[in-house]
Protein backbone atom coordinates (compact mmCIF):
# COMPACT_ATOMS: atom_id res chain seq x y z
CA MET A 1 -43.66 79.06 3.03
CA ILE A 2 -43.42 75.30 3.69
CA PHE A 3 -42.23 74.01 7.06
CA ILE A 4 -41.53 70.43 8.03
CA PRO A 5 -43.53 69.20 11.07
CA GLN A 6 -41.61 69.16 14.31
CA GLY A 7 -41.98 65.40 14.82
CA PHE A 8 -40.35 64.70 11.49
CA LEU A 9 -37.51 67.07 12.30
CA VAL A 10 -36.59 65.25 15.49
CA LEU A 11 -36.48 61.98 13.54
CA ALA A 12 -34.51 63.71 10.79
CA PHE A 13 -31.66 64.36 13.22
CA SER A 14 -30.95 60.65 13.14
CA ALA A 15 -31.91 60.02 9.53
CA VAL A 16 -29.68 62.65 7.98
CA PHE A 17 -26.97 62.80 10.59
CA LEU A 18 -23.58 62.54 8.90
CA GLY A 19 -21.41 63.03 11.99
CA CYS A 20 -18.51 65.36 12.73
CA ARG A 21 -15.73 65.69 10.21
CA GLY A 22 -13.62 63.31 12.22
CA GLY A 23 -16.43 60.75 12.61
CA ASP A 24 -18.30 59.08 9.74
CA THR A 25 -16.14 60.01 6.77
CA SER A 26 -18.30 58.38 4.12
CA SER A 27 -19.93 61.71 3.26
CA LYS A 28 -16.68 63.59 2.74
CA ASP A 29 -16.21 62.35 -0.80
CA THR A 30 -19.78 63.23 -1.77
CA PRO A 31 -20.24 66.66 -3.39
CA VAL A 32 -22.55 68.88 -1.36
CA ASP A 33 -24.90 71.33 -3.02
CA THR A 34 -23.98 74.64 -1.40
CA THR A 35 -26.96 76.47 -2.82
CA ALA A 36 -30.46 76.66 -1.40
CA SER A 37 -32.93 73.85 -2.01
CA SER A 38 -34.40 73.48 -5.47
CA ASP A 39 -37.99 73.95 -4.33
CA LYS A 40 -37.16 77.27 -2.67
CA THR A 41 -38.20 76.24 0.84
CA MET A 42 -36.37 76.42 4.15
CA ASP A 43 -35.32 72.78 3.72
CA PHE A 44 -34.09 71.37 7.05
CA ASP A 45 -32.57 68.24 5.50
CA ALA A 46 -30.57 70.25 2.98
CA MET A 47 -29.35 72.54 5.76
CA MET A 48 -28.32 69.56 7.89
CA LYS A 49 -26.40 68.03 5.00
CA LYS A 50 -24.52 71.24 4.37
CA ILE A 51 -23.72 71.98 8.01
CA SER A 52 -22.56 68.46 8.77
CA SER A 53 -20.32 67.77 5.79
CA ALA A 54 -19.48 70.73 3.55
CA ASP A 55 -16.25 72.74 3.66
CA GLY A 56 -16.64 76.23 5.09
CA PHE A 57 -17.26 78.04 8.35
CA LEU A 58 -19.90 79.87 10.38
CA ALA A 59 -20.15 83.66 10.46
CA ALA A 60 -21.08 84.95 13.92
CA LEU A 61 -23.22 88.09 13.44
CA ASP A 62 -24.96 87.91 16.81
CA GLN A 63 -23.62 90.81 18.86
CA SER A 64 -26.48 92.00 21.04
CA GLY A 65 -27.39 94.38 23.84
CA GLY A 66 -24.26 95.57 25.61
CA SER A 67 -21.88 94.27 22.94
CA THR A 68 -23.57 96.16 20.09
CA PRO A 69 -21.95 99.59 20.76
CA LYS A 70 -18.53 97.92 20.78
CA ALA A 71 -19.26 96.23 17.45
CA LEU A 72 -20.48 99.49 15.94
CA LYS A 73 -17.42 101.36 17.21
CA ALA A 74 -15.12 98.81 15.59
CA TYR A 75 -17.07 99.37 12.37
CA GLY A 76 -16.51 103.13 12.63
CA ILE A 77 -19.91 104.28 13.94
CA THR A 78 -19.59 106.38 17.08
CA GLU A 79 -22.18 106.53 19.87
CA ASP A 80 -23.21 110.09 19.03
CA LEU A 81 -24.89 108.73 15.89
CA TYR A 82 -27.47 106.65 17.79
CA SER A 83 -29.07 106.17 21.21
CA ALA A 84 -27.68 103.12 23.01
CA GLY A 85 -30.27 100.44 23.63
CA GLU A 86 -32.89 102.14 21.46
CA GLU A 87 -34.24 101.51 17.96
CA SER A 88 -31.68 103.80 16.34
CA MET A 89 -28.87 101.55 17.60
CA TYR A 90 -30.50 98.43 16.17
CA ASP A 91 -31.13 100.28 12.90
CA MET A 92 -27.41 101.01 12.68
CA VAL A 93 -26.34 97.46 13.44
CA HIS A 94 -28.84 96.04 10.94
CA GLN A 95 -27.44 98.33 8.26
CA MET A 96 -23.97 97.00 9.09
CA ARG A 97 -25.10 93.37 8.99
CA THR A 98 -27.05 93.94 5.78
CA ARG A 99 -23.94 95.36 4.15
CA ILE A 100 -21.99 92.28 5.23
CA ILE A 101 -24.63 89.73 4.21
CA THR A 102 -25.31 91.30 0.79
CA SER A 103 -21.62 91.65 -0.05
CA PRO A 104 -20.66 89.49 -3.06
CA GLY A 105 -18.00 87.61 -1.10
CA PHE A 106 -20.44 86.57 1.63
CA THR A 107 -21.86 83.42 0.02
CA GLY A 108 -22.59 79.79 0.73
CA ASP A 109 -19.57 78.69 -1.28
CA LYS A 110 -17.38 79.40 1.76
CA ILE A 111 -19.81 80.27 4.56
CA LEU A 112 -21.92 77.37 5.82
CA GLY A 113 -24.05 79.27 8.32
CA ALA A 114 -24.61 82.62 10.00
CA ILE A 115 -25.56 83.19 13.64
CA LEU A 116 -28.03 86.03 14.09
CA PHE A 117 -29.24 88.17 16.97
CA GLU A 118 -33.01 88.05 17.59
CA ASN A 119 -33.50 91.60 16.34
CA THR A 120 -31.74 90.73 13.08
CA MET A 121 -33.89 87.63 12.63
CA ASP A 122 -37.01 89.79 12.97
CA ARG A 123 -35.90 92.25 10.27
CA GLU A 124 -35.73 92.04 6.49
CA ILE A 125 -33.06 92.24 3.82
CA GLU A 126 -34.18 93.27 0.34
CA GLY A 127 -37.82 92.48 1.12
CA MET A 128 -37.18 89.03 2.60
CA SER A 129 -36.82 87.94 6.22
CA THR A 130 -33.13 87.72 7.12
CA GLY A 131 -33.27 83.92 7.51
CA GLU A 132 -34.96 83.47 4.13
CA TYR A 133 -32.49 85.81 2.44
CA LEU A 134 -29.53 83.92 3.87
CA TRP A 135 -30.73 80.48 2.76
CA LEU A 136 -32.69 81.19 -0.41
CA LYS A 137 -30.43 83.90 -1.86
CA LYS A 138 -27.04 83.03 -0.41
CA GLY A 139 -27.21 79.32 0.44
CA ILE A 140 -26.21 80.08 4.04
CA VAL A 141 -27.85 78.24 6.96
CA PRO A 142 -29.41 80.60 9.56
CA PHE A 143 -28.95 80.19 13.33
CA ILE A 144 -30.33 82.34 16.18
CA LYS A 145 -28.65 83.39 19.45
CA VAL A 146 -31.05 82.49 22.26
CA ASP A 147 -29.26 83.20 25.54
CA LYS A 148 -29.99 86.32 27.57
CA GLY A 149 -26.47 87.01 28.73
CA LEU A 150 -24.26 85.82 31.56
CA ALA A 151 -24.93 85.54 35.28
CA ASP A 152 -22.43 86.85 37.84
CA GLU A 153 -19.29 84.77 38.24
CA GLU A 154 -19.43 81.88 40.70
CA ASP A 155 -16.98 78.97 41.05
CA GLY A 156 -14.80 80.51 38.36
CA VAL A 157 -17.51 80.52 35.68
CA GLN A 158 -20.50 82.48 34.44
CA LEU A 159 -23.61 80.43 33.78
CA MET A 160 -26.33 81.63 31.42
CA LYS A 161 -29.05 83.82 32.86
CA PRO A 162 -32.54 82.26 33.05
CA MET A 163 -34.46 82.13 29.76
CA PRO A 164 -38.15 82.07 30.81
CA GLU A 165 -39.37 82.91 27.30
CA LEU A 166 -37.20 80.36 25.50
CA ASP A 167 -40.07 78.16 24.29
CA SER A 168 -41.76 81.16 22.69
CA LEU A 169 -38.51 82.26 21.02
CA LEU A 170 -37.84 78.76 19.71
CA LYS A 171 -41.32 78.54 18.22
CA ARG A 172 -40.93 81.92 16.52
CA SER A 173 -37.43 81.04 15.32
CA LYS A 174 -38.72 77.84 13.75
CA GLU A 175 -41.48 79.79 12.00
CA LYS A 176 -38.86 82.18 10.61
CA GLY A 177 -36.82 79.34 9.13
CA MET A 178 -33.97 79.12 11.64
CA PHE A 179 -32.06 75.83 11.53
CA GLY A 180 -30.40 76.06 14.92
CA THR A 181 -29.52 78.13 17.97
CA LYS A 182 -26.47 79.31 19.85
CA MET A 183 -26.03 80.01 23.57
CA ARG A 184 -22.90 81.10 25.43
CA SER A 185 -21.46 80.51 28.89
CA ASN A 186 -18.05 81.68 30.12
CA ILE A 187 -15.18 79.92 31.92
CA ASN A 188 -12.55 82.03 33.69
CA SER A 189 -10.66 79.46 35.76
CA ALA A 190 -10.10 75.72 36.07
CA ASN A 191 -12.76 75.08 38.68
CA GLU A 192 -14.14 71.59 38.09
CA LYS A 193 -17.38 72.25 39.96
CA GLY A 194 -18.09 75.39 37.93
CA ILE A 195 -17.19 73.84 34.57
CA LYS A 196 -19.35 70.81 35.28
CA ALA A 197 -22.27 73.14 36.10
CA ILE A 198 -21.77 74.95 32.80
CA ALA A 199 -21.80 71.72 30.78
CA GLU A 200 -24.90 70.45 32.58
CA GLN A 201 -26.81 73.72 32.04
CA GLN A 202 -25.84 73.93 28.38
CA PHE A 203 -26.98 70.38 27.62
CA GLU A 204 -30.17 70.70 29.66
CA VAL A 205 -31.21 73.70 27.57
CA GLY A 206 -29.88 71.96 24.46
CA LYS A 207 -32.37 69.13 24.92
CA GLN A 208 -35.17 71.68 25.12
CA ILE A 209 -33.98 73.17 21.83
CA ILE A 210 -33.78 69.75 20.15
CA ALA A 211 -37.35 69.02 21.25
CA ALA A 212 -38.42 72.22 19.47
CA GLY A 213 -36.95 70.90 16.20
CA LEU A 214 -33.79 73.03 16.14
CA VAL A 215 -30.09 72.19 16.38
CA PRO A 216 -28.34 73.67 19.44
CA ILE A 217 -24.83 75.06 19.30
CA ILE A 218 -23.38 74.50 22.78
CA GLU A 219 -20.89 77.32 23.54
CA PRO A 220 -18.98 77.09 26.83
CA GLU A 221 -16.30 79.68 26.05
CA VAL A 222 -12.95 79.47 27.82
CA ASN A 223 -11.51 82.94 28.42
CA ILE A 224 -8.33 83.14 26.33
CA ASN A 225 -6.73 85.21 29.12
CA ALA A 226 -7.38 82.59 31.81
CA PRO A 227 -4.01 81.81 33.48
CA ASP A 228 -4.90 78.10 33.54
CA LYS A 229 -6.55 77.99 30.11
CA ALA A 230 -5.15 74.58 29.12
CA GLU A 231 -6.40 73.04 32.36
CA CYS A 232 -9.82 74.62 31.81
CA GLU A 233 -9.97 73.00 28.39
CA ALA A 234 -8.98 69.58 29.69
CA ILE A 235 -11.72 69.67 32.34
CA LEU A 236 -14.25 71.02 29.87
CA LYS A 237 -13.53 68.25 27.38
CA GLU A 238 -14.31 65.58 29.96
CA CYS A 239 -17.47 67.38 31.13
CA ILE A 240 -18.76 67.76 27.57
CA LYS A 241 -17.99 64.14 26.74
CA ALA A 242 -19.95 63.02 29.79
CA GLU A 243 -22.97 65.02 28.60
CA LEU A 244 -22.65 63.82 24.99
CA ASP A 245 -22.58 60.23 26.23
CA LYS A 246 -25.96 60.77 27.91
CA LEU A 247 -27.71 61.89 24.70
CA GLU A 248 -30.03 59.47 22.94
CA ASP A 249 -30.00 58.61 19.24
CA GLY A 250 -31.30 61.62 17.33
CA GLN A 251 -30.29 64.09 20.06
CA ASN A 252 -27.41 65.68 18.17
CA VAL A 253 -25.67 68.95 18.92
CA MET A 254 -22.95 71.24 17.63
CA LEU A 255 -20.15 72.56 19.82
CA LYS A 256 -18.60 76.03 19.72
CA LEU A 257 -15.34 76.08 21.67
CA SER A 258 -12.45 78.45 22.20
CA LEU A 259 -9.36 77.83 20.10
CA PRO A 260 -7.43 75.41 22.32
CA THR A 261 -3.95 75.73 23.80
CA GLN A 262 -3.15 72.06 23.17
CA VAL A 263 -3.50 71.07 19.53
CA ASN A 264 -6.42 68.67 18.95
CA VAL A 265 -7.39 68.50 22.61
CA TYR A 266 -11.02 68.32 21.48
CA GLN A 267 -10.51 65.53 18.92
CA GLU A 268 -12.55 63.05 20.95
CA LEU A 269 -15.49 65.47 20.83
CA VAL A 270 -15.07 66.02 17.08
CA ASN A 271 -15.37 62.26 16.60
CA HIS A 272 -18.31 61.74 18.96
CA PRO A 273 -21.43 60.30 17.23
CA ARG A 274 -23.75 62.81 18.93
CA CYS A 275 -21.71 65.78 17.68
CA ILE A 276 -22.67 67.20 14.29
CA ARG A 277 -19.73 69.59 14.10
CA VAL A 278 -17.22 71.45 16.28
CA VAL A 279 -16.69 75.12 15.49
CA ALA A 280 -14.20 77.52 17.04
CA LEU A 281 -14.71 81.06 18.29
CA SER A 282 -11.91 83.57 17.83
CA GLY A 283 -12.36 84.79 21.41
CA GLY A 284 -10.32 87.97 21.06
CA TYR A 285 -7.47 86.66 18.92
CA GLY A 286 -6.74 88.70 15.81
CA ARG A 287 -7.69 87.03 12.54
CA ASN A 288 -4.17 85.97 11.53
CA GLU A 289 -3.44 84.38 14.91
CA ALA A 290 -6.88 82.78 15.08
CA ASN A 291 -6.46 81.30 11.59
CA ALA A 292 -3.00 79.96 12.46
CA ILE A 293 -4.28 78.18 15.59
CA LEU A 294 -7.39 76.89 13.81
CA ALA A 295 -5.44 75.41 10.91
CA LYS A 296 -3.70 73.04 13.36
CA GLN A 297 -6.97 71.62 14.76
CA THR A 298 -8.19 68.51 12.92
CA GLY A 299 -11.92 68.64 12.24
CA MET A 300 -12.61 72.09 13.73
CA ILE A 301 -13.94 74.93 11.58
CA ALA A 302 -14.32 78.61 12.39
CA SER A 303 -17.24 80.50 13.84
CA PHE A 304 -15.61 83.91 13.98
CA SER A 305 -17.15 87.28 14.82
CA ARG A 306 -14.62 90.06 15.43
CA ALA A 307 -11.95 88.23 13.42
CA LEU A 308 -14.34 87.98 10.47
CA VAL A 309 -15.06 91.70 10.23
CA GLU A 310 -11.57 92.85 11.18
CA GLY A 311 -10.58 95.60 8.74
CA VAL A 312 -14.03 96.45 7.36
CA SER A 313 -15.43 99.86 8.20
CA HIS A 314 -18.38 102.15 7.64
CA GLY A 315 -16.23 104.73 5.83
CA GLN A 316 -14.92 102.40 3.14
CA THR A 317 -16.17 102.62 -0.42
CA GLN A 318 -18.31 99.65 -1.42
CA GLU A 319 -15.45 98.24 -3.47
CA GLU A 320 -13.01 98.58 -0.55
CA PHE A 321 -15.53 97.02 1.82
CA ASP A 322 -16.29 94.09 -0.50
CA ASN A 323 -12.63 93.37 -1.20
CA THR A 324 -11.67 93.49 2.49
CA LEU A 325 -14.53 91.20 3.52
CA ALA A 326 -13.88 88.77 0.65
CA SER A 327 -10.24 88.51 1.68
CA SER A 328 -11.24 87.82 5.28
CA VAL A 329 -13.78 85.18 4.24
CA HIS A 330 -11.23 83.45 2.02
CA SER A 331 -8.54 83.32 4.73
CA ILE A 332 -10.94 81.89 7.34
CA PHE A 333 -12.27 79.38 4.82
CA GLN A 334 -8.74 78.19 4.06
CA ALA A 335 -7.87 77.84 7.76
CA SER A 336 -11.07 75.88 8.35
CA LYS A 337 -10.34 73.59 5.42
CA GLU A 338 -6.77 72.94 6.50
CA GLY A 339 -7.81 71.61 9.91
């Protein structure tokens, strides 16, 4: 396998950067090859081109730890079929993710990237590492979830727990062909001090990720049930903009934000030159509602998890499963394209 040296990758951020959909629009009229690179390598430049300018969305397949039993239950696998937290649980979830990824409708024509859990990255699909399979077989850019969960709530927010082994994980992720990372914080109320702390932590870690030659997805989620959700989003926008303004040329990030209450509240972030792309999490909305909100947001595309797999189940025949997933993929693709 051929990997591009880290130093070149950092420079490549600037060289191939095409901006958010609302920013430099010169690339929008240029057809983008949605397949893997012609030389069958994990081509960072080709991944960057696709992520920054092609139509489509990100599939979030990164449920981990405590959220895995919930994901399996939604899929129709009950806890009596595995031991929570043990290898049998991860075997079950990998079977589920393999079924999703290998489904005919799960392709790079509509799905730009897929966010993986570490355990999924370390496993194989049809004799290939998951990252290689996604890019080389499906034309889908692989990302890796790197956070270790949320700290206890303070000042209305939950910061990320410490990540003492992050450098090691980033190195291993790069070796396995990952293009980028994702890390999540949580905002429960419009506390300016707390939201500012979240933005600062996310971007501090983001710079560490950039230095390792990967693209960070910054995800400060706003709880959709927060009573002052719109105010949270207004504060968050200003805090993120302040951090984006501090980045140097070549230090580019992606943003993953909750579907906003006010239409296009994040437009200034979409247009920011240090932002590669803004993606939206479904955050607990059903797929139809999430798609309807997303379609109103100019320049935002989806990065759905529960909304993506809504309706698919372990007990379906393969044909039923494939048809249900393909319908879901198509609807999310259309909502992402309309924005």
